[in-house]
Amino acid sequence: MLFEALGSALLGLVLAGAAIHRLSHRLPARSLVLATGVAGALFGAFVTHSALDAGSVVLNLIGAAIVSVASLSLLLRPAGRLRRRSATA
């Protein structure tokens, strides 16, 4: 279980680093993105481990990656400038 947790935390860190590298202009502070990636991966590994028991490390890492990417996607800001319209238009 310890290696699964370390592996999923490392996976979350790698995914957060990739998101920072590719989408740095659309993300908030770097420390928040890194923490969200790791926390999402740890939570995903916990949920997958609880649901599937200790069956497979690969499945736990897949669950960790899915939840980590989903939580990182919640941090994205819109790419362009928002166009504001009046209520009467």
PDB file of N, CA and C in Angstrom:
ATOM      1  N   MET A   1       0.819  -1.190   0.000  1.00  0.00           N
ATOM      2  CA  MET A   1       0.000   0.000   0.000  1.00  0.00           C
ATOM      3  C   MET A   1       0.866   1.258   0.000  1.00  0.00           C
ATOM      4  N   LEU A   2       2.000   1.202   0.672  1.00  0.00           N
ATOM      5  CA  LEU A   2       2.881   2.361   0.714  1.00  0.00           C
ATOM      6  C   LEU A   2       3.432   2.690  -0.671  1.00  0.00           C
ATOM      7  N   PHE A   3       3.808   1.667  -1.441  1.00  0.00           N
ATOM      8  CA  PHE A   3       4.335   1.903  -2.774  1.00  0.00           C
ATOM      9  C   PHE A   3       3.257   2.403  -3.729  1.00  0.00           C
ATOM     10  N   GLU A   4       2.021   1.947  -3.519  1.00  0.00           N
ATOM     11  CA  GLU A   4       0.912   2.471  -4.324  1.00  0.00           C
ATOM     12  C   GLU A   4       0.706   3.952  -4.044  1.00  0.00           C
ATOM     13  N   ALA A   5       0.785   4.338  -2.791  1.00  0.00           N
ATOM     14  CA  ALA A   5       0.605   5.742  -2.430  1.00  0.00           C
ATOM     15  C   ALA A   5       1.738   6.594  -2.980  1.00  0.00           C
ATOM     16  N   LEU A   6       2.971   6.112  -2.851  1.00  0.00           N
ATOM     17  CA  LEU A   6       4.105   6.856  -3.394  1.00  0.00           C
ATOM     18  C   LEU A   6       4.042   6.938  -4.917  1.00  0.00           C
ATOM     19  N   GLY A   7       3.655   5.852  -5.546  1.00  0.00           N
ATOM     20  CA  GLY A   7       3.539   5.842  -7.007  1.00  0.00           C
ATOM     21  C   GLY A   7       2.449   6.767  -7.502  1.00  0.00           C
ATOM     22  N   SER A   8       1.319   6.777  -6.810  1.00  0.00           N
ATOM     23  CA  SER A   8       0.235   7.657  -7.241  1.00  0.00           C
ATOM     24  C   SER A   8       0.566   9.121  -6.969  1.00  0.00           C
ATOM     25  N   ALA A   9       1.284   9.400  -5.871  1.00  0.00           N
ATOM     26  CA  ALA A   9       1.700  10.782  -5.611  1.00  0.00           C
ATOM     27  C   ALA A   9       2.690  11.254  -6.669  1.00  0.00           C
ATOM     28  N   LEU A  10       3.611  10.382  -7.055  1.00  0.00           N
ATOM     29  CA  LEU A  10       4.559  10.722  -8.107  1.00  0.00           C
ATOM     30  C   LEU A  10       3.847  10.907  -9.444  1.00  0.00           C
ATOM     31  N   LEU A  11       2.861  10.068  -9.716  1.00  0.00           N
ATOM     32  CA  LEU A  11       2.073  10.209 -10.939  1.00  0.00           C
ATOM     33  C   LEU A  11       1.317  11.534 -10.960  1.00  0.00           C
ATOM     34  N   GLY A  12       0.726  11.920  -9.837  1.00  0.00           N
ATOM     35  CA  GLY A  12       0.042  13.204  -9.750  1.00  0.00           C
ATOM     36  C   GLY A  12       0.984  14.369  -9.933  1.00  0.00           C
ATOM     37  N   LEU A  13       2.182  14.250  -9.404  1.00  0.00           N
ATOM     38  CA  LEU A  13       3.183  15.299  -9.572  1.00  0.00           C
ATOM     39  C   LEU A  13       3.608  15.428 -11.035  1.00  0.00           C
ATOM     40  N   VAL A  14       3.763  14.308 -11.711  1.00  0.00           N
ATOM     41  CA  VAL A  14       4.138  14.329 -13.127  1.00  0.00           C
ATOM     42  C   VAL A  14       3.005  14.930 -13.967  1.00  0.00           C
ATOM     43  N   LEU A  15       1.778  14.541 -13.686  1.00  0.00           N
ATOM     44  CA  LEU A  15       0.647  15.090 -14.434  1.00  0.00           C
ATOM     45  C   LEU A  15       0.487  16.588 -14.192  1.00  0.00           C
ATOM     46  N   ALA A  16       0.697  17.028 -12.967  1.00  0.00           N
ATOM     47  CA  ALA A  16       0.622  18.458 -12.663  1.00  0.00           C
ATOM     48  C   ALA A  16       1.755  19.206 -13.352  1.00  0.00           C
ATOM     49  N   GLY A  17       2.936  18.635 -13.380  1.00  0.00           N
ATOM     50  CA  GLY A  17       4.052  19.253 -14.077  1.00  0.00           C
ATOM     51  C   GLY A  17       3.799  19.371 -15.577  1.00  0.00           C
ATOM     52  N   ALA A  18       3.192  18.338 -16.159  1.00  0.00           N
ATOM     53  CA  ALA A  18       2.851  18.395 -17.575  1.00  0.00           C
ATOM     54  C   ALA A  18       1.799  19.464 -17.840  1.00  0.00           C
ATOM     55  N   ALA A  19       0.841  19.585 -16.933  1.00  0.00           N
ATOM     56  CA  ALA A  19      -0.188  20.621 -17.093  1.00  0.00           C
ATOM     57  C   ALA A  19       0.419  22.009 -16.988  1.00  0.00           C
ATOM     58  N   ILE A  20       1.353  22.185 -16.073  1.00  0.00           N
ATOM     59  CA  ILE A  20       2.020  23.484 -15.937  1.00  0.00           C
ATOM     60  C   ILE A  20       2.824  23.793 -17.195  1.00  0.00           C
ATOM     61  N   HIS A  21       3.489  22.799 -17.717  1.00  0.00           N
ATOM     62  CA  HIS A  21       4.310  23.007 -18.908  1.00  0.00           C
ATOM     63  C   HIS A  21       3.460  23.381 -20.121  1.00  0.00           C
ATOM     64  N   ARG A  22       2.326  22.702 -20.300  1.00  0.00           N
ATOM     65  CA  ARG A  22       1.500  22.930 -21.486  1.00  0.00           C
ATOM     66  C   ARG A  22       0.515  24.080 -21.334  1.00  0.00           C
ATOM     67  N   LEU A  23      -0.006  24.293 -20.144  1.00  0.00           N
ATOM     68  CA  LEU A  23      -1.107  25.248 -19.954  1.00  0.00           C
ATOM     69  C   LEU A  23      -0.813  26.289 -18.885  1.00  0.00           C
ATOM     70  N   SER A  24       0.411  26.733 -18.765  1.00  0.00           N
ATOM     71  CA  SER A  24       0.763  27.640 -17.673  1.00  0.00           C
ATOM     72  C   SER A  24       0.011  28.967 -17.741  1.00  0.00           C
ATOM     73  N   HIS A  25      -0.359  29.409 -18.927  1.00  0.00           N
ATOM     74  CA  HIS A  25      -1.073  30.673 -19.058  1.00  0.00           C
ATOM     75  C   HIS A  25      -2.534  30.575 -18.617  1.00  0.00           C
ATOM     76  N   ARG A  26      -3.048  29.365 -18.467  1.00  0.00           N
ATOM     77  CA  ARG A  26      -4.447  29.183 -18.078  1.00  0.00           C
ATOM     78  C   ARG A  26      -4.626  28.631 -16.669  1.00  0.00           C
ATOM     79  N   LEU A  27      -3.544  28.477 -15.933  1.00  0.00           N
ATOM     80  CA  LEU A  27      -3.605  27.891 -14.601  1.00  0.00           C
ATOM     81  C   LEU A  27      -3.232  28.910 -13.537  1.00  0.00           C
ATOM     82  N   PRO A  28      -3.712  28.713 -12.301  1.00  0.00           N
ATOM     83  CA  PRO A  28      -3.319  29.605 -11.203  1.00  0.00           C
ATOM     84  C   PRO A  28      -1.890  29.315 -10.744  1.00  0.00           C
ATOM     85  N   ALA A  29      -1.564  29.660  -9.537  1.00  0.00           N
ATOM     86  CA  ALA A  29      -0.207  29.531  -8.995  1.00  0.00           C
ATOM     87  C   ALA A  29       0.321  28.097  -9.110  1.00  0.00           C
ATOM     88  N   ARG A  30       1.600  28.008  -9.364  1.00  0.00           N
ATOM     89  CA  ARG A  30       2.266  26.723  -9.575  1.00  0.00           C
ATOM     90  C   ARG A  30       2.123  25.789  -8.374  1.00  0.00           C
ATOM     91  N   SER A  31       2.260  26.325  -7.174  1.00  0.00           N
ATOM     92  CA  SER A  31       2.159  25.483  -5.975  1.00  0.00           C
ATOM     93  C   SER A  31       0.758  24.895  -5.811  1.00  0.00           C
ATOM     94  N   LEU A  32      -0.263  25.658  -6.174  1.00  0.00           N
ATOM     95  CA  LEU A  32      -1.633  25.149  -6.092  1.00  0.00           C
ATOM     96  C   LEU A  32      -1.854  24.018  -7.085  1.00  0.00           C
ATOM     97  N   VAL A  33      -1.315  24.145  -8.281  1.00  0.00           N
ATOM     98  CA  VAL A  33      -1.471  23.114  -9.306  1.00  0.00           C
ATOM     99  C   VAL A  33      -0.753  21.836  -8.879  1.00  0.00           C
ATOM    100  N   LEU A  34       0.456  21.967  -8.353  1.00  0.00           N
ATOM    101  CA  LEU A  34       1.193  20.779  -7.908  1.00  0.00           C
ATOM    102  C   LEU A  34       0.485  20.079  -6.754  1.00  0.00           C
ATOM    103  N   ALA A  35      -0.012  20.857  -5.806  1.00  0.00           N
ATOM    104  CA  ALA A  35      -0.714  20.262  -4.662  1.00  0.00           C
ATOM    105  C   ALA A  35      -2.016  19.595  -5.099  1.00  0.00           C
ATOM    106  N   THR A  36      -2.726  20.208  -6.034  1.00  0.00           N
ATOM    107  CA  THR A  36      -3.975  19.628  -6.521  1.00  0.00           C
ATOM    108  C   THR A  36      -3.724  18.333  -7.267  1.00  0.00           C
ATOM    109  N   GLY A  37      -2.675  18.290  -8.064  1.00  0.00           N
ATOM    110  CA  GLY A  37      -2.347  17.060  -8.794  1.00  0.00           C
ATOM    111  C   GLY A  37      -2.028  15.906  -7.867  1.00  0.00           C
ATOM    112  N   VAL A  38      -1.221  16.170  -6.852  1.00  0.00           N
ATOM    113  CA  VAL A  38      -0.846  15.114  -5.903  1.00  0.00           C
ATOM    114  C   VAL A  38      -2.050  14.689  -5.065  1.00  0.00           C
ATOM    115  N   ALA A  39      -2.818  15.657  -4.572  1.00  0.00           N
ATOM    116  CA  ALA A  39      -3.982  15.319  -3.745  1.00  0.00           C
ATOM    117  C   ALA A  39      -5.034  14.555  -4.547  1.00  0.00           C
ATOM    118  N   GLY A  40      -5.244  14.956  -5.785  1.00  0.00           N
ATOM    119  CA  GLY A  40      -6.198  14.240  -6.639  1.00  0.00           C
ATOM    120  C   GLY A  40      -5.759  12.812  -6.905  1.00  0.00           C
ATOM    121  N   ALA A  41      -4.471  12.626  -7.140  1.00  0.00           N
ATOM    122  CA  ALA A  41      -3.967  11.277  -7.392  1.00  0.00           C
ATOM    123  C   ALA A  41      -4.072  10.397  -6.143  1.00  0.00           C
ATOM    124  N   LEU A  42      -3.746  10.957  -4.987  1.00  0.00           N
ATOM    125  CA  LEU A  42      -3.865  10.172  -3.754  1.00  0.00           C
ATOM    126  C   LEU A  42      -5.320   9.811  -3.468  1.00  0.00           C
ATOM    127  N   PHE A  43      -6.221  10.756  -3.689  1.00  0.00           N
ATOM    128  CA  PHE A  43      -7.641  10.467  -3.471  1.00  0.00           C
ATOM    129  C   PHE A  43      -8.139   9.432  -4.477  1.00  0.00           C
ATOM    130  N   GLY A  44      -7.708   9.549  -5.733  1.00  0.00           N
ATOM    131  CA  GLY A  44      -8.108   8.569  -6.739  1.00  0.00           C
ATOM    132  C   GLY A  44      -7.599   7.180  -6.434  1.00  0.00           C
ATOM    133  N   ALA A  45      -6.370   7.093  -5.939  1.00  0.00           N
ATOM    134  CA  ALA A  45      -5.831   5.786  -5.562  1.00  0.00           C
ATOM    135  C   ALA A  45      -6.580   5.205  -4.370  1.00  0.00           C
ATOM    136  N   PHE A  46      -6.945   6.068  -3.430  1.00  0.00           N
ATOM    137  CA  PHE A  46      -7.705   5.598  -2.265  1.00  0.00           C
ATOM    138  C   PHE A  46      -9.078   5.064  -2.680  1.00  0.00           C
ATOM    139  N   VAL A  47      -9.764   5.797  -3.515  1.00  0.00           N
ATOM    140  CA  VAL A  47     -11.101   5.370  -3.951  1.00  0.00           C
ATOM    141  C   VAL A  47     -11.012   4.084  -4.767  1.00  0.00           C
ATOM    142  N   THR A  48     -10.047   4.008  -5.675  1.00  0.00           N
ATOM    143  CA  THR A  48      -9.892   2.805  -6.490  1.00  0.00           C
ATOM    144  C   THR A  48      -9.497   1.608  -5.638  1.00  0.00           C
ATOM    145  N   HIS A  49      -8.610   1.821  -4.693  1.00  0.00           N
ATOM    146  CA  HIS A  49      -8.200   0.731  -3.800  1.00  0.00           C
ATOM    147  C   HIS A  49      -9.369   0.265  -2.939  1.00  0.00           C
ATOM    148  N   SER A  50     -10.191   1.192  -2.487  1.00  0.00           N
ATOM    149  CA  SER A  50     -11.349   0.820  -1.672  1.00  0.00           C
ATOM    150  C   SER A  50     -12.399   0.077  -2.486  1.00  0.00           C
ATOM    151  N   ALA A  51     -12.587   0.490  -3.728  1.00  0.00           N
ATOM    152  CA  ALA A  51     -13.619  -0.129  -4.555  1.00  0.00           C
ATOM    153  C   ALA A  51     -13.194  -1.491  -5.093  1.00  0.00           C
ATOM    154  N   LEU A  52     -11.934  -1.616  -5.495  1.00  0.00           N
ATOM    155  CA  LEU A  52     -11.483  -2.842  -6.143  1.00  0.00           C
ATOM    156  C   LEU A  52     -10.626  -3.725  -5.255  1.00  0.00           C
ATOM    157  N   ASP A  53     -10.419  -3.325  -4.018  1.00  0.00           N
ATOM    158  CA  ASP A  53      -9.549  -4.018  -3.085  1.00  0.00           C
ATOM    159  C   ASP A  53      -8.114  -3.974  -3.610  1.00  0.00           C
ATOM    160  N   ALA A  54      -7.242  -4.750  -3.078  1.00  0.00           N
ATOM    161  CA  ALA A  54      -5.830  -4.686  -3.456  1.00  0.00           C
ATOM    162  C   ALA A  54      -5.554  -5.606  -4.638  1.00  0.00           C
ATOM    163  N   GLY A  55      -6.400  -5.558  -5.642  1.00  0.00           N
ATOM    164  CA  GLY A  55      -6.271  -6.467  -6.771  1.00  0.00           C
ATOM    165  C   GLY A  55      -5.119  -6.158  -7.697  1.00  0.00           C
ATOM    166  N   SER A  56      -4.997  -4.934  -8.110  1.00  0.00           N
ATOM    167  CA  SER A  56      -3.982  -4.615  -9.105  1.00  0.00           C
ATOM    168  C   SER A  56      -3.439  -3.211  -8.885  1.00  0.00           C
ATOM    169  N   VAL A  57      -2.140  -3.092  -8.928  1.00  0.00           N
ATOM    170  CA  VAL A  57      -1.490  -1.796  -8.776  1.00  0.00           C
ATOM    171  C   VAL A  57      -1.762  -0.934 -10.005  1.00  0.00           C
ATOM    172  N   VAL A  58      -1.811  -1.571 -11.169  1.00  0.00           N
ATOM    173  CA  VAL A  58      -2.042  -0.836 -12.410  1.00  0.00           C
ATOM    174  C   VAL A  58      -3.410  -0.169 -12.397  1.00  0.00           C
ATOM    175  N   LEU A  59      -4.436  -0.882 -11.934  1.00  0.00           N
ATOM    176  CA  LEU A  59      -5.773  -0.294 -11.866  1.00  0.00           C
ATOM    177  C   LEU A  59      -5.822   0.859 -10.870  1.00  0.00           C
ATOM    178  N   ASN A  60      -5.092   0.726  -9.773  1.00  0.00           N
ATOM    179  CA  ASN A  60      -5.038   1.825  -8.804  1.00  0.00           C
ATOM    180  C   ASN A  60      -4.375   3.060  -9.403  1.00  0.00           C
ATOM    181  N   LEU A  61      -3.326   2.864 -10.180  1.00  0.00           N
ATOM    182  CA  LEU A  61      -2.655   3.995 -10.813  1.00  0.00           C
ATOM    183  C   LEU A  61      -3.526   4.623 -11.904  1.00  0.00           C
ATOM    184  N   ILE A  62      -4.301   3.818 -12.592  1.00  0.00           N
ATOM    185  CA  ILE A  62      -5.225   4.367 -13.590  1.00  0.00           C
ATOM    186  C   ILE A  62      -6.296   5.210 -12.902  1.00  0.00           C
ATOM    187  N   GLY A  63      -6.838   4.713 -11.801  1.00  0.00           N
ATOM    188  CA  GLY A  63      -7.814   5.498 -11.038  1.00  0.00           C
ATOM    189  C   GLY A  63      -7.212   6.774 -10.493  1.00  0.00           C
ATOM    190  N   ALA A  64      -5.966   6.705 -10.049  1.00  0.00           N
ATOM    191  CA  ALA A  64      -5.282   7.900  -9.550  1.00  0.00           C
ATOM    192  C   ALA A  64      -5.094   8.918 -10.659  1.00  0.00           C
ATOM    193  N   ALA A  65      -4.733   8.463 -11.838  1.00  0.00           N
ATOM    194  CA  ALA A  65      -4.524   9.376 -12.966  1.00  0.00           C
ATOM    195  C   ALA A  65      -5.830  10.033 -13.391  1.00  0.00           C
ATOM    196  N   ILE A  66      -6.909   9.280 -13.396  1.00  0.00           N
ATOM    197  CA  ILE A  66      -8.203   9.834 -13.815  1.00  0.00           C
ATOM    198  C   ILE A  66      -8.658  10.928 -12.859  1.00  0.00           C
ATOM    199  N   VAL A  67      -8.579  10.676 -11.570  1.00  0.00           N
ATOM    200  CA  VAL A  67      -9.033  11.677 -10.601  1.00  0.00           C
ATOM    201  C   VAL A  67      -8.087  12.870 -10.567  1.00  0.00           C
ATOM    202  N   SER A  68      -6.808  12.643 -10.748  1.00  0.00           N
ATOM    203  CA  SER A  68      -5.854  13.742 -10.766  1.00  0.00           C
ATOM    204  C   SER A  68      -6.096  14.660 -11.956  1.00  0.00           C
ATOM    205  N   VAL A  69      -6.307  14.094 -13.125  1.00  0.00           N
ATOM    206  CA  VAL A  69      -6.575  14.906 -14.314  1.00  0.00           C
ATOM    207  C   VAL A  69      -7.903  15.633 -14.174  1.00  0.00           C
ATOM    208  N   ALA A  70      -8.892  14.982 -13.600  1.00  0.00           N
ATOM    209  CA  ALA A  70     -10.191  15.636 -13.404  1.00  0.00           C
ATOM    210  C   ALA A  70     -10.076  16.810 -12.434  1.00  0.00           C
ATOM    211  N   SER A  71      -9.322  16.644 -11.374  1.00  0.00           N
ATOM    212  CA  SER A  71      -9.176  17.745 -10.427  1.00  0.00           C
ATOM    213  C   SER A  71      -8.326  18.876 -11.001  1.00  0.00           C
ATOM    214  N   LEU A  72      -7.337  18.548 -11.818  1.00  0.00           N
ATOM    215  CA  LEU A  72      -6.543  19.592 -12.470  1.00  0.00           C
ATOM    216  C   LEU A  72      -7.359  20.357 -13.500  1.00  0.00           C
ATOM    217  N   SER A  73      -8.285  19.678 -14.142  1.00  0.00           N
ATOM    218  CA  SER A  73      -9.106  20.364 -15.145  1.00  0.00           C
ATOM    219  C   SER A  73     -10.032  21.395 -14.513  1.00  0.00           C
ATOM    220  N   LEU A  74     -10.327  21.239 -13.237  1.00  0.00           N
ATOM    221  CA  LEU A  74     -11.175  22.217 -12.559  1.00  0.00           C
ATOM    222  C   LEU A  74     -10.449  23.532 -12.308  1.00  0.00           C
ATOM    223  N   LEU A  75      -9.140  23.545 -12.413  1.00  0.00           N
ATOM    224  CA  LEU A  75      -8.362  24.756 -12.182  1.00  0.00           C
ATOM    225  C   LEU A  75      -8.209  25.623 -13.422  1.00  0.00           C
ATOM    226  N   LEU A  76      -8.551  25.093 -14.588  1.00  0.00           N
ATOM    227  CA  LEU A  76      -8.342  25.829 -15.837  1.00  0.00           C
ATOM    228  C   LEU A  76      -9.237  27.054 -15.924  1.00  0.00           C
ATOM    229  N   ARG A  77      -8.650  28.134 -16.426  1.00  0.00           N
ATOM    230  CA  ARG A  77      -9.387  29.366 -16.684  1.00  0.00           C
ATOM    231  C   ARG A  77      -9.674  29.456 -18.175  1.00  0.00           C
ATOM    232  N   PRO A  78     -10.644  30.260 -18.573  1.00  0.00           N
ATOM    233  CA  PRO A  78     -10.934  30.397 -20.009  1.00  0.00           C
ATOM    234  C   PRO A  78      -9.719  30.905 -20.780  1.00  0.00           C
ATOM    235  N   ALA A  79      -9.592  30.478 -22.021  1.00  0.00           N
ATOM    236  CA  ALA A  79      -8.423  30.821 -22.824  1.00  0.00           C
ATOM    237  C   ALA A  79      -8.443  32.267 -23.286  1.00  0.00           C
ATOM    238  N   GLY A  80      -9.562  32.708 -23.790  1.00  0.00           N
ATOM    239  CA  GLY A  80      -9.629  34.052 -24.333  1.00  0.00           C
ATOM    240  C   GLY A  80     -10.293  35.016 -23.388  1.00  0.00           C
ATOM    241  N   ARG A  81     -10.407  36.213 -23.854  1.00  0.00           N
ATOM    242  CA  ARG A  81     -11.079  37.245 -23.073  1.00  0.00           C
ATOM    243  C   ARG A  81     -12.587  36.985 -23.111  1.00  0.00           C
ATOM    244  N   LEU A  82     -13.220  37.062 -21.978  1.00  0.00           N
ATOM    245  CA  LEU A  82     -14.659  36.862 -21.924  1.00  0.00           C
ATOM    246  C   LEU A  82     -15.371  38.072 -22.507  1.00  0.00           C
ATOM    247  N   ARG A  83     -16.345  37.812 -23.335  1.00  0.00           N
ATOM    248  CA  ARG A  83     -17.122  38.885 -23.920  1.00  0.00           C
ATOM    249  C   ARG A  83     -18.351  39.104 -23.057  1.00  0.00           C
ATOM    250  N   ARG A  84     -18.482  40.280 -22.556  1.00  0.00           N
ATOM    251  CA  ARG A  84     -19.611  40.592 -21.670  1.00  0.00           C
ATOM    252  C   ARG A  84     -20.680  41.345 -22.452  1.00  0.00           C
ATOM    253  N   ARG A  85     -21.869  40.883 -22.306  1.00  0.00           N
ATOM    254  CA  ARG A  85     -23.000  41.526 -22.956  1.00  0.00           C
ATOM    255  C   ARG A  85     -23.915  42.109 -21.898  1.00  0.00           C
ATOM    256  N   SER A  86     -24.616  43.111 -22.300  1.00  0.00           N
ATOM    257  CA  SER A  86     -25.584  43.680 -21.356  1.00  0.00           C
ATOM    258  C   SER A  86     -26.811  42.765 -21.294  1.00  0.00           C
ATOM    259  N   ALA A  87     -27.599  42.945 -20.291  1.00  0.00           N
ATOM    260  CA  ALA A  87     -28.769  42.098 -20.104  1.00  0.00           C
ATOM    261  C   ALA A  87     -29.830  42.337 -21.166  1.00  0.00           C
ATOM    262  N   THR A  88     -29.809  43.494 -21.813  1.00  0.00           N
ATOM    263  CA  THR A  88     -30.830  43.798 -22.814  1.00  0.00           C
ATOM    264  C   THR A  88     -30.468  43.293 -24.201  1.00  0.00           C
ATOM    265  N   ALA A  89     -29.255  42.876 -24.418  1.00  0.00           N
ATOM    266  CA  ALA A  89     -28.842  42.468 -25.761  1.00  0.00           C
ATOM    267  C   ALA A  89     -29.306  41.084 -26.108  1.00  0.00           C
TER     268      ALA A  89
END
